[in-house]
Amino acid sequence: MKRLMLPALLAALASGPALADESLERENLARIQHELRLIQAQVRDAAGAADTTGRVRFRYDWLTRDLDLMAAAIDEHLDAPRQPRAVAPLRGDYRQ
């Protein structure tokens, strides 16, 4: 019985840091996502207060689009399934 438990224990210990790293990455991305939302609000406020009569104007619409793209990419990664996708089994025998 002990011989069967050792490989399972080793596998669990080996996968521990990988799960911790994945959790840390998800936490960091969620924090970045929160900061992006705060920045988006600041950009909206700045765009509303911007001088539109000047010869050179800042393109808040471009900045907003880029921030939206970054937020969408982070959302896509955070919403992705954590488990690998199922793969159809191979037939294996190719001779007739």
PDB file of N, CA and C in Angstrom:
ATOM      1  N   MET A   1       0.816  -1.191   0.000  1.00  0.00           N
ATOM      2  CA  MET A   1       0.000   0.000   0.000  1.00  0.00           C
ATOM      3  C   MET A   1       0.863   1.259   0.000  1.00  0.00           C
ATOM      4  N   LYS A   2       1.956   1.235   0.784  1.00  0.00           N
ATOM      5  CA  LYS A   2       2.838   2.396   0.829  1.00  0.00           C
ATOM      6  C   LYS A   2       3.482   2.655  -0.513  1.00  0.00           C
ATOM      7  N   ARG A   3       3.730   1.599  -1.273  1.00  0.00           N
ATOM      8  CA  ARG A   3       4.360   1.758  -2.588  1.00  0.00           C
ATOM      9  C   ARG A   3       3.439   2.516  -3.531  1.00  0.00           C
ATOM     10  N   LEU A   4       2.134   2.361  -3.375  1.00  0.00           N
ATOM     11  CA  LEU A   4       1.181   3.065  -4.231  1.00  0.00           C
ATOM     12  C   LEU A   4       1.007   4.518  -3.800  1.00  0.00           C
ATOM     13  N   MET A   5       1.173   4.799  -2.523  1.00  0.00           N
ATOM     14  CA  MET A   5       0.974   6.148  -2.021  1.00  0.00           C
ATOM     15  C   MET A   5       2.132   7.068  -2.367  1.00  0.00           C
ATOM     16  N   LEU A   6       3.335   6.524  -2.429  1.00  0.00           N
ATOM     17  CA  LEU A   6       4.502   7.355  -2.696  1.00  0.00           C
ATOM     18  C   LEU A   6       4.419   8.062  -4.047  1.00  0.00           C
ATOM     19  N   PRO A   7       4.108   7.371  -5.164  1.00  0.00           N
ATOM     20  CA  PRO A   7       4.009   8.098  -6.436  1.00  0.00           C
ATOM     21  C   PRO A   7       2.909   9.161  -6.422  1.00  0.00           C
ATOM     22  N   ALA A   8       1.794   8.873  -5.760  1.00  0.00           N
ATOM     23  CA  ALA A   8       0.715   9.860  -5.689  1.00  0.00           C
ATOM     24  C   ALA A   8       1.153  11.080  -4.885  1.00  0.00           C
ATOM     25  N   LEU A   9       1.847  10.842  -3.799  1.00  0.00           N
ATOM     26  CA  LEU A   9       2.342  11.940  -2.979  1.00  0.00           C
ATOM     27  C   LEU A   9       3.361  12.782  -3.736  1.00  0.00           C
ATOM     28  N   LEU A  10       4.267  12.139  -4.433  1.00  0.00           N
ATOM     29  CA  LEU A  10       5.271  12.870  -5.222  1.00  0.00           C
ATOM     30  C   LEU A  10       4.610  13.691  -6.322  1.00  0.00           C
ATOM     31  N   ALA A  11       3.612  13.129  -6.968  1.00  0.00           N
ATOM     32  CA  ALA A  11       2.904  13.870  -8.016  1.00  0.00           C
ATOM     33  C   ALA A  11       2.195  15.086  -7.439  1.00  0.00           C
ATOM     34  N   ALA A  12       1.591  14.936  -6.276  1.00  0.00           N
ATOM     35  CA  ALA A  12       0.900  16.055  -5.639  1.00  0.00           C
ATOM     36  C   ALA A  12       1.875  17.152  -5.246  1.00  0.00           C
ATOM     37  N   LEU A  13       3.014  16.754  -4.709  1.00  0.00           N
ATOM     38  CA  LEU A  13       4.019  17.753  -4.316  1.00  0.00           C
ATOM     39  C   LEU A  13       4.604  18.459  -5.528  1.00  0.00           C
ATOM     40  N   ALA A  14       4.798  17.735  -6.607  1.00  0.00           N
ATOM     41  CA  ALA A  14       5.375  18.334  -7.815  1.00  0.00           C
ATOM     42  C   ALA A  14       4.414  19.322  -8.452  1.00  0.00           C
ATOM     43  N   SER A  15       3.115  19.075  -8.345  1.00  0.00           N
ATOM     44  CA  SER A  15       2.153  19.974  -8.979  1.00  0.00           C
ATOM     45  C   SER A  15       1.816  21.166  -8.089  1.00  0.00           C
ATOM     46  N   GLY A  16       2.205  21.142  -6.848  1.00  0.00           N
ATOM     47  CA  GLY A  16       1.893  22.231  -5.930  1.00  0.00           C
ATOM     48  C   GLY A  16       2.401  23.579  -6.371  1.00  0.00           C
ATOM     49  N   PRO A  17       3.697  23.731  -6.657  1.00  0.00           N
ATOM     50  CA  PRO A  17       4.193  25.044  -7.086  1.00  0.00           C
ATOM     51  C   PRO A  17       3.545  25.531  -8.375  1.00  0.00           C
ATOM     52  N   ALA A  18       3.231  24.626  -9.280  1.00  0.00           N
ATOM     53  CA  ALA A  18       2.593  25.046 -10.534  1.00  0.00           C
ATOM     54  C   ALA A  18       1.224  25.638 -10.250  1.00  0.00           C
ATOM     55  N   LEU A  19       0.468  25.016  -9.341  1.00  0.00           N
ATOM     56  CA  LEU A  19      -0.840  25.560  -8.991  1.00  0.00           C
ATOM     57  C   LEU A  19      -0.695  26.887  -8.276  1.00  0.00           C
ATOM     58  N   ALA A  20       0.298  27.017  -7.433  1.00  0.00           N
ATOM     59  CA  ALA A  20       0.525  28.277  -6.730  1.00  0.00           C
ATOM     60  C   ALA A  20       0.893  29.374  -7.721  1.00  0.00           C
ATOM     61  N   ASP A  21       1.747  29.063  -8.675  1.00  0.00           N
ATOM     62  CA  ASP A  21       2.127  30.056  -9.681  1.00  0.00           C
ATOM     63  C   ASP A  21       0.926  30.476 -10.505  1.00  0.00           C
ATOM     64  N   GLU A  22       0.059  29.522 -10.853  1.00  0.00           N
ATOM     65  CA  GLU A  22      -1.126  29.843 -11.646  1.00  0.00           C
ATOM     66  C   GLU A  22      -2.075  30.727 -10.843  1.00  0.00           C
ATOM     67  N   SER A  23      -2.241  30.409  -9.571  1.00  0.00           N
ATOM     68  CA  SER A  23      -3.104  31.225  -8.718  1.00  0.00           C
ATOM     69  C   SER A  23      -2.535  32.633  -8.558  1.00  0.00           C
ATOM     70  N   LEU A  24      -1.235  32.731  -8.392  1.00  0.00           N
ATOM     71  CA  LEU A  24      -0.593  34.037  -8.268  1.00  0.00           C
ATOM     72  C   LEU A  24      -0.754  34.839  -9.555  1.00  0.00           C
ATOM     73  N   GLU A  25      -0.596  34.175 -10.686  1.00  0.00           N
ATOM     74  CA  GLU A  25      -0.771  34.871 -11.965  1.00  0.00           C
ATOM     75  C   GLU A  25      -2.201  35.382 -12.103  1.00  0.00           C
ATOM     76  N   ARG A  26      -3.177  34.559 -11.773  1.00  0.00           N
ATOM     77  CA  ARG A  26      -4.576  34.975 -11.867  1.00  0.00           C
ATOM     78  C   ARG A  26      -4.862  36.147 -10.929  1.00  0.00           C
ATOM     79  N   GLU A  27      -4.289  36.100  -9.730  1.00  0.00           N
ATOM     80  CA  GLU A  27      -4.465  37.196  -8.777  1.00  0.00           C
ATOM     81  C   GLU A  27      -3.845  38.481  -9.318  1.00  0.00           C
ATOM     82  N   ASN A  28      -2.656  38.383  -9.884  1.00  0.00           N
ATOM     83  CA  ASN A  28      -1.993  39.566 -10.456  1.00  0.00           C
ATOM     84  C   ASN A  28      -2.781  40.125 -11.631  1.00  0.00           C
ATOM     85  N   LEU A  29      -3.288  39.252 -12.490  1.00  0.00           N
ATOM     86  CA  LEU A  29      -4.081  39.723 -13.629  1.00  0.00           C
ATOM     87  C   LEU A  29      -5.380  40.377 -13.168  1.00  0.00           C
ATOM     88  N   ALA A  30      -6.003  39.844 -12.145  1.00  0.00           N
ATOM     89  CA  ALA A  30      -7.218  40.461 -11.607  1.00  0.00           C
ATOM     90  C   ALA A  30      -6.910  41.837 -11.034  1.00  0.00           C
ATOM     91  N   ARG A  31      -5.758  41.963 -10.384  1.00  0.00           N
ATOM     92  CA  ARG A  31      -5.339  43.267  -9.844  1.00  0.00           C
ATOM     93  C   ARG A  31      -5.091  44.256 -10.987  1.00  0.00           C
ATOM     94  N   ILE A  32      -4.426  43.796 -12.053  1.00  0.00           N
ATOM     95  CA  ILE A  32      -4.183  44.658 -13.219  1.00  0.00           C
ATOM     96  C   ILE A  32      -5.513  45.072 -13.835  1.00  0.00           C
ATOM     97  N   GLN A  33      -6.453  44.125 -13.910  1.00  0.00           N
ATOM     98  CA  GLN A  33      -7.775  44.418 -14.479  1.00  0.00           C
ATOM     99  C   GLN A  33      -8.472  45.517 -13.660  1.00  0.00           C
ATOM    100  N   HIS A  34      -8.360  45.437 -12.347  1.00  0.00           N
ATOM    101  CA  HIS A  34      -8.952  46.460 -11.479  1.00  0.00           C
ATOM    102  C   HIS A  34      -8.313  47.824 -11.759  1.00  0.00           C
ATOM    103  N   GLU A  35      -6.999  47.842 -11.862  1.00  0.00           N
ATOM    104  CA  GLU A  35      -6.291  49.092 -12.140  1.00  0.00           C
ATOM    105  C   GLU A  35      -6.674  49.649 -13.520  1.00  0.00           C
ATOM    106  N   LEU A  36      -6.846  48.770 -14.492  1.00  0.00           N
ATOM    107  CA  LEU A  36      -7.263  49.222 -15.827  1.00  0.00           C
ATOM    108  C   LEU A  36      -8.634  49.904 -15.768  1.00  0.00           C
ATOM    109  N   ARG A  37      -9.536  49.357 -14.978  1.00  0.00           N
ATOM    110  CA  ARG A  37     -10.865  49.973 -14.848  1.00  0.00           C
ATOM    111  C   ARG A  37     -10.760  51.361 -14.221  1.00  0.00           C
ATOM    112  N   LEU A  38      -9.879  51.510 -13.239  1.00  0.00           N
ATOM    113  CA  LEU A  38      -9.675  52.830 -12.639  1.00  0.00           C
ATOM    114  C   LEU A  38      -9.096  53.805 -13.657  1.00  0.00           C
ATOM    115  N   ILE A  39      -8.146  53.337 -14.441  1.00  0.00           N
ATOM    116  CA  ILE A  39      -7.537  54.183 -15.477  1.00  0.00           C
ATOM    117  C   ILE A  39      -8.572  54.554 -16.529  1.00  0.00           C
ATOM    118  N   GLN A  40      -9.419  53.608 -16.911  1.00  0.00           N
ATOM    119  CA  GLN A  40     -10.457  53.907 -17.898  1.00  0.00           C
ATOM    120  C   GLN A  40     -11.377  55.022 -17.403  1.00  0.00           C
ATOM    121  N   ALA A  41     -11.706  55.007 -16.120  1.00  0.00           N
ATOM    122  CA  ALA A  41     -12.539  56.075 -15.556  1.00  0.00           C
ATOM    123  C   ALA A  41     -11.806  57.416 -15.604  1.00  0.00           C
ATOM    124  N   GLN A  42     -10.511  57.395 -15.304  1.00  0.00           N
ATOM    125  CA  GLN A  42      -9.728  58.627 -15.369  1.00  0.00           C
ATOM    126  C   GLN A  42      -9.650  59.147 -16.799  1.00  0.00           C
ATOM    127  N   VAL A  43      -9.508  58.254 -17.754  1.00  0.00           N
ATOM    128  CA  VAL A  43      -9.442  58.660 -19.163  1.00  0.00           C
ATOM    129  C   VAL A  43     -10.768  59.280 -19.585  1.00  0.00           C
ATOM    130  N   ARG A  44     -11.890  58.699 -19.157  1.00  0.00           N
ATOM    131  CA  ARG A  44     -13.196  59.282 -19.485  1.00  0.00           C
ATOM    132  C   ARG A  44     -13.322  60.696 -18.910  1.00  0.00           C
ATOM    133  N   ASP A  45     -12.884  60.846 -17.662  1.00  0.00           N
ATOM    134  CA  ASP A  45     -12.936  62.172 -17.042  1.00  0.00           C
ATOM    135  C   ASP A  45     -12.039  63.159 -17.787  1.00  0.00           C
ATOM    136  N   ALA A  46     -10.834  62.721 -18.127  1.00  0.00           N
ATOM    137  CA  ALA A  46      -9.897  63.596 -18.838  1.00  0.00           C
ATOM    138  C   ALA A  46     -10.424  63.957 -20.220  1.00  0.00           C
ATOM    139  N   ALA A  47     -11.054  63.001 -20.892  1.00  0.00           N
ATOM    140  CA  ALA A  47     -11.601  63.270 -22.226  1.00  0.00           C
ATOM    141  C   ALA A  47     -12.730  64.295 -22.138  1.00  0.00           C
ATOM    142  N   GLY A  48     -13.522  64.209 -21.075  1.00  0.00           N
ATOM    143  CA  GLY A  48     -14.614  65.168 -20.901  1.00  0.00           C
ATOM    144  C   GLY A  48     -14.126  66.572 -20.602  1.00  0.00           C
ATOM    145  N   ALA A  49     -12.968  66.683 -19.966  1.00  0.00           N
ATOM    146  CA  ALA A  49     -12.426  67.993 -19.598  1.00  0.00           C
ATOM    147  C   ALA A  49     -11.397  68.510 -20.604  1.00  0.00           C
ATOM    148  N   ALA A  50     -11.123  67.754 -21.648  1.00  0.00           N
ATOM    149  CA  ALA A  50     -10.057  68.118 -22.594  1.00  0.00           C
ATOM    150  C   ALA A  50     -10.446  69.322 -23.441  1.00  0.00           C
ATOM    151  N   ASP A  51      -9.449  70.103 -23.793  1.00  0.00           N
ATOM    152  CA  ASP A  51      -9.621  71.246 -24.698  1.00  0.00           C
ATOM    153  C   ASP A  51      -9.703  70.710 -26.128  1.00  0.00           C
ATOM    154  N   THR A  52     -10.836  70.899 -26.763  1.00  0.00           N
ATOM    155  CA  THR A  52     -11.030  70.392 -28.128  1.00  0.00           C
ATOM    156  C   THR A  52     -10.740  71.456 -29.182  1.00  0.00           C
ATOM    157  N   THR A  53     -10.338  72.651 -28.739  1.00  0.00           N
ATOM    158  CA  THR A  53     -10.087  73.725 -29.708  1.00  0.00           C
ATOM    159  C   THR A  53      -8.614  73.851 -30.066  1.00  0.00           C
ATOM    160  N   GLY A  54      -7.765  73.146 -29.373  1.00  0.00           N
ATOM    161  CA  GLY A  54      -6.329  73.249 -29.626  1.00  0.00           C
ATOM    162  C   GLY A  54      -5.926  72.648 -30.965  1.00  0.00           C
ATOM    163  N   ARG A  55      -4.777  73.100 -31.461  1.00  0.00           N
ATOM    164  CA  ARG A  55      -4.266  72.609 -32.741  1.00  0.00           C
ATOM    165  C   ARG A  55      -3.858  71.139 -32.628  1.00  0.00           C
ATOM    166  N   VAL A  56      -3.261  70.776 -31.525  1.00  0.00           N
ATOM    167  CA  VAL A  56      -2.855  69.390 -31.283  1.00  0.00           C
ATOM    168  C   VAL A  56      -3.718  68.852 -30.147  1.00  0.00           C
ATOM    169  N   ARG A  57      -4.386  67.730 -30.425  1.00  0.00           N
ATOM    170  CA  ARG A  57      -5.266  67.139 -29.427  1.00  0.00           C
ATOM    171  C   ARG A  57      -4.831  65.710 -29.122  1.00  0.00           C
ATOM    172  N   PHE A  58      -5.039  65.335 -27.887  1.00  0.00           N
ATOM    173  CA  PHE A  58      -4.745  63.969 -27.475  1.00  0.00           C
ATOM    174  C   PHE A  58      -5.908  63.080 -27.907  1.00  0.00           C
ATOM    175  N   ARG A  59      -5.586  61.919 -28.446  1.00  0.00           N
ATOM    176  CA  ARG A  59      -6.615  60.994 -28.943  1.00  0.00           C
ATOM    177  C   ARG A  59      -7.081  60.078 -27.818  1.00  0.00           C
ATOM    178  N   TYR A  60      -7.984  60.575 -26.996  1.00  0.00           N
ATOM    179  CA  TYR A  60      -8.529  59.777 -25.902  1.00  0.00           C
ATOM    180  C   TYR A  60      -9.297  58.569 -26.434  1.00  0.00           C
ATOM    181  N   ASP A  61      -9.901  58.708 -27.600  1.00  0.00           N
ATOM    182  CA  ASP A  61     -10.635  57.586 -28.175  1.00  0.00           C
ATOM    183  C   ASP A  61      -9.692  56.426 -28.514  1.00  0.00           C
ATOM    184  N   TRP A  62      -8.504  56.715 -28.981  1.00  0.00           N
ATOM    185  CA  TRP A  62      -7.526  55.665 -29.277  1.00  0.00           C
ATOM    186  C   TRP A  62      -7.037  55.003 -27.982  1.00  0.00           C
ATOM    187  N   LEU A  63      -6.777  55.832 -26.976  1.00  0.00           N
ATOM    188  CA  LEU A  63      -6.338  55.300 -25.689  1.00  0.00           C
ATOM    189  C   LEU A  63      -7.424  54.413 -25.083  1.00  0.00           C
ATOM    190  N   THR A  64      -8.668  54.869 -25.152  1.00  0.00           N
ATOM    191  CA  THR A  64      -9.791  54.081 -24.632  1.00  0.00           C
ATOM    192  C   THR A  64      -9.890  52.745 -25.347  1.00  0.00           C
ATOM    193  N   ARG A  65      -9.737  52.744 -26.656  1.00  0.00           N
ATOM    194  CA  ARG A  65      -9.809  51.503 -27.437  1.00  0.00           C
ATOM    195  C   ARG A  65      -8.693  50.546 -27.023  1.00  0.00           C
ATOM    196  N   ASP A  66      -7.482  51.071 -26.858  1.00  0.00           N
ATOM    197  CA  ASP A  66      -6.362  50.220 -26.460  1.00  0.00           C
ATOM    198  C   ASP A  66      -6.553  49.659 -25.043  1.00  0.00           C
ATOM    199  N   LEU A  67      -7.050  50.465 -24.132  1.00  0.00           N
ATOM    200  CA  LEU A  67      -7.322  49.982 -22.780  1.00  0.00           C
ATOM    201  C   LEU A  67      -8.413  48.909 -22.798  1.00  0.00           C
ATOM    202  N   ASP A  68      -9.433  49.109 -23.643  1.00  0.00           N
ATOM    203  CA  ASP A  68     -10.490  48.101 -23.778  1.00  0.00           C
ATOM    204  C   ASP A  68      -9.940  46.789 -24.319  1.00  0.00           C
ATOM    205  N   LEU A  69      -9.013  46.885 -25.282  1.00  0.00           N
ATOM    206  CA  LEU A  69      -8.397  45.669 -25.832  1.00  0.00           C
ATOM    207  C   LEU A  69      -7.591  44.923 -24.772  1.00  0.00           C
ATOM    208  N   MET A  70      -6.841  45.660 -23.966  1.00  0.00           N
ATOM    209  CA  MET A  70      -6.064  45.026 -22.903  1.00  0.00           C
ATOM    210  C   MET A  70      -6.983  44.360 -21.880  1.00  0.00           C
ATOM    211  N   ALA A  71      -8.043  45.063 -21.492  1.00  0.00           N
ATOM    212  CA  ALA A  71      -8.979  44.507 -20.514  1.00  0.00           C
ATOM    213  C   ALA A  71      -9.660  43.258 -21.074  1.00  0.00           C
ATOM    214  N   ALA A  72     -10.024  43.293 -22.346  1.00  0.00           N
ATOM    215  CA  ALA A  72     -10.670  42.128 -22.969  1.00  0.00           C
ATOM    216  C   ALA A  72      -9.726  40.934 -23.029  1.00  0.00           C
ATOM    217  N   ALA A  73      -8.464  41.183 -23.319  1.00  0.00           N
ATOM    218  CA  ALA A  73      -7.489  40.087 -23.382  1.00  0.00           C
ATOM    219  C   ALA A  73      -7.292  39.457 -22.004  1.00  0.00           C
ATOM    220  N   ILE A  74      -7.255  40.282 -20.966  1.00  0.00           N
ATOM    221  CA  ILE A  74      -7.117  39.747 -19.611  1.00  0.00           C
ATOM    222  C   ILE A  74      -8.374  38.966 -19.225  1.00  0.00           C
ATOM    223  N   ASP A  75      -9.545  39.525 -19.536  1.00  0.00           N
ATOM    224  CA  ASP A  75     -10.798  38.807 -19.255  1.00  0.00           C
ATOM    225  C   ASP A  75     -10.825  37.455 -19.952  1.00  0.00           C
ATOM    226  N   GLU A  76     -10.402  37.440 -21.205  1.00  0.00           N
ATOM    227  CA  GLU A  76     -10.405  36.198 -21.979  1.00  0.00           C
ATOM    228  C   GLU A  76      -9.508  35.154 -21.308  1.00  0.00           C
ATOM    229  N   HIS A  77      -8.355  35.587 -20.837  1.00  0.00           N
ATOM    230  CA  HIS A  77      -7.440  34.652 -20.179  1.00  0.00           C
ATOM    231  C   HIS A  77      -8.010  34.181 -18.838  1.00  0.00           C
ATOM    232  N   LEU A  78      -8.585  35.090 -18.078  1.00  0.00           N
ATOM    233  CA  LEU A  78      -9.135  34.723 -16.773  1.00  0.00           C
ATOM    234  C   LEU A  78     -10.370  33.838 -16.901  1.00  0.00           C
ATOM    235  N   ASP A  79     -11.135  34.018 -17.966  1.00  0.00           N
ATOM    236  CA  ASP A  79     -12.349  33.230 -18.164  1.00  0.00           C
ATOM    237  C   ASP A  79     -12.092  31.891 -18.839  1.00  0.00           C
ATOM    238  N   ALA A  80     -10.877  31.694 -19.332  1.00  0.00           N
ATOM    239  CA  ALA A  80     -10.558  30.434 -20.016  1.00  0.00           C
ATOM    240  C   ALA A  80     -10.616  29.283 -19.017  1.00  0.00           C
ATOM    241  N   PRO A  81     -11.048  28.130 -19.480  1.00  0.00           N
ATOM    242  CA  PRO A  81     -11.106  26.984 -18.568  1.00  0.00           C
ATOM    243  C   PRO A  81      -9.716  26.625 -18.060  1.00  0.00           C
ATOM    244  N   ARG A  82      -9.658  26.222 -16.804  1.00  0.00           N
ATOM    245  CA  ARG A  82      -8.381  25.849 -16.202  1.00  0.00           C
ATOM    246  C   ARG A  82      -7.980  24.438 -16.600  1.00  0.00           C
ATOM    247  N   GLN A  83      -8.933  23.638 -16.981  1.00  0.00           N
ATOM    248  CA  GLN A  83      -8.653  22.259 -17.363  1.00  0.00           C
ATOM    249  C   GLN A  83      -8.327  22.203 -18.851  1.00  0.00           C
ATOM    250  N   PRO A  84      -7.455  21.299 -19.254  1.00  0.00           N
ATOM    251  CA  PRO A  84      -7.195  21.135 -20.680  1.00  0.00           C
ATOM    252  C   PRO A  84      -8.464  20.676 -21.397  1.00  0.00           C
ATOM    253  N   ARG A  85      -8.579  21.076 -22.636  1.00  0.00           N
ATOM    254  CA  ARG A  85      -9.737  20.662 -23.423  1.00  0.00           C
ATOM    255  C   ARG A  85      -9.661  19.179 -23.741  1.00  0.00           C
ATOM    256  N   ALA A  86     -10.825  18.568 -23.854  1.00  0.00           N
ATOM    257  CA  ALA A  86     -10.890  17.150 -24.204  1.00  0.00           C
ATOM    258  C   ALA A  86     -10.459  16.972 -25.659  1.00  0.00           C
ATOM    259  N   VAL A  87      -9.708  15.943 -25.887  1.00  0.00           N
ATOM    260  CA  VAL A  87      -9.231  15.629 -27.240  1.00  0.00           C
ATOM    261  C   VAL A  87      -9.842  14.303 -27.651  1.00  0.00           C
ATOM    262  N   ALA A  88     -10.318  14.247 -28.881  1.00  0.00           N
ATOM    263  CA  ALA A  88     -10.907  13.005 -29.377  1.00  0.00           C
ATOM    264  C   ALA A  88      -9.837  11.916 -29.409  1.00  0.00           C
ATOM    265  N   PRO A  89     -10.200  10.698 -29.027  1.00  0.00           N
ATOM    266  CA  PRO A  89      -9.204   9.620 -29.025  1.00  0.00           C
ATOM    267  C   PRO A  89      -8.750   9.281 -30.443  1.00  0.00           C
ATOM    268  N   LEU A  90      -7.502   8.856 -30.540  1.00  0.00           N
ATOM    269  CA  LEU A  90      -6.950   8.437 -31.826  1.00  0.00           C
ATOM    270  C   LEU A  90      -7.362   7.002 -32.108  1.00  0.00           C
ATOM    271  N   ARG A  91      -7.466   6.672 -33.372  1.00  0.00           N
ATOM    272  CA  ARG A  91      -7.811   5.295 -33.731  1.00  0.00           C
ATOM    273  C   ARG A  91      -6.642   4.367 -33.457  1.00  0.00           C
ATOM    274  N   GLY A  92      -5.449   4.762 -33.833  1.00  0.00           N
ATOM    275  CA  GLY A  92      -4.269   3.990 -33.515  1.00  0.00           C
ATOM    276  C   GLY A  92      -3.875   2.943 -34.525  1.00  0.00           C
ATOM    277  N   ASP A  93      -4.805   2.279 -35.159  1.00  0.00           N
ATOM    278  CA  ASP A  93      -4.487   1.237 -36.135  1.00  0.00           C
ATOM    279  C   ASP A  93      -4.794   1.767 -37.526  1.00  0.00           C
ATOM    280  N   TYR A  94      -3.739   1.978 -38.330  1.00  0.00           N
ATOM    281  CA  TYR A  94      -3.922   2.613 -39.633  1.00  0.00           C
ATOM    282  C   TYR A  94      -3.845   1.622 -40.783  1.00  0.00           C
ATOM    283  N   ARG A  95      -3.727   0.351 -40.501  1.00  0.00           N
ATOM    284  CA  ARG A  95      -3.663  -0.660 -41.558  1.00  0.00           C
ATOM    285  C   ARG A  95      -5.029  -1.247 -41.773  1.00  0.00           C
ATOM    286  N   GLN A  96      -5.292  -1.643 -43.031  1.00  0.00           N
ATOM    287  CA  GLN A  96      -6.547  -2.318 -43.360  1.00  0.00           C
ATOM    288  C   GLN A  96      -6.293  -3.764 -43.650  1.00  0.00           C
TER     289      GLN A  96
END
